[in-house]
Amino acid sequence: MPKTIAQPRPKTSRARSSTQNVSAIAVRRSAAHIAFGATRLQGNFTEAQRATVDKLMLEEIDFVDSPEFRRANAQRRIMEDPSPVPSPDTKWYQPLLSDRLGSGSLQMPNAPRSVVLTAAQERVIFAQLNFARFCASKIQRRMKREGVNAQLARELLGWFDRAEAIRTQIAETNLALVLAMAKRVRSAELDFGDLISEGNMALMRSVDKFDFSRGFKFSTYACRAILKAYSRLGIKTQKHRKHFPVEFDPELERANHVGDVRSARESDTLREMTSVLSQGRAGLTEIERSVIFHRFGLDRPMESSQLTLEQVGGILGVTKERVRQIQNKALEKLRFALVSDDRQLELAPALPRN
């Protein structure tokens, strides 16, 4: 008789339920390592500290690894033995102030206490930053294995706070790089505030990703990262303007009150000077009148360019030095005539009437 092949027995409902129970227990245990929050963390912790621990347990703590972190007495050699790295004074950092006041060009301010780190100081401070994150990551993994307790939570918060303080110090020390790169790529298409914002974000990312063990200066790495961020911002801005074109509207342009006042004053001065010349109140000679008319374009439209001393000399048949002398003498006479007219206007109300 042929042999009968035994078929595998199907899982019973009891086996399936036991498997589901085991999976559910595993899920609850894994979730218990994460969702501990204010109910699991015992001790004198503030709500902000509890929220920080919750966030740290949900995210992976990144750091730039180094063999020095695993050597004996690493904490003493990295965190305690080196001399303290000086902290910068960031009160001078007001990148938008001069631009919003309409200065026209971005002036690099002089810091009251500027700090330029040497290569050795950069290695020290970046080693401290990543060692603090390394210790926080090690405590985080231990808490996920063994569970949460107050002592480990305090150690995790301590290393995290030290890492954030060092990260802030590095960023504040290199704030001038953002201003320098913004001045380098500043254009009419990109808003200056957007450049500063994008540059600051690129600077913070550079602090997180910089590998101090390669021996390069941080400024070299950060400047390239900031310029790449500006390039991406420019491409994104061009795409946005391409998809959402806006027609030119003069009413939405910025007011140019200073320029309008200057133009009006120049027009009034030109009108008054023309009146003085036409009425002969300045007592100019014929050659002085010719020099003034040709030199300052009183006989041409205002948009036309002025003639040089040499060009005026060629017209009148004299040297450019002689033209300069005649011009200075004629301007002195005109200035005296204009001042005399102003004084007469001031004294006019006080004069007795006939």
Foldseek 3Di string as FASTA:
>chain_A
DDDDDDDDDDDDPVVVVVVVVVVVVVVVLLVCLQPCAPPNEDDPDDNVLSVVLNVPLVDQQDFQDDPLLPDPPSCCVQPPPDDDADFFDQPPPDQCPCVVVPVPAGDDDDGPGADDDDLVRVLNLSSLLRSLSVQLNVLSVVCSVPNDYNVSSVSNVVSVVSNVVSLVRVLSNCLVLLVVLLNVPPDPLDDSVVSSVLLSVLSSVLSRPDDSVVSDDSSVVSNVSSVVSVVVVSVVSVVVCVVPPDDDDVVPDDDDVVVVVVVVVVVVVLVVLVVCVVVVLLVADPVLVLLVCQQCVNVHDNPDDGDQLCVSCVVVVHHSVVSVVSPVVSVVSSVVSVVVVVVCVVCVVVDDDD
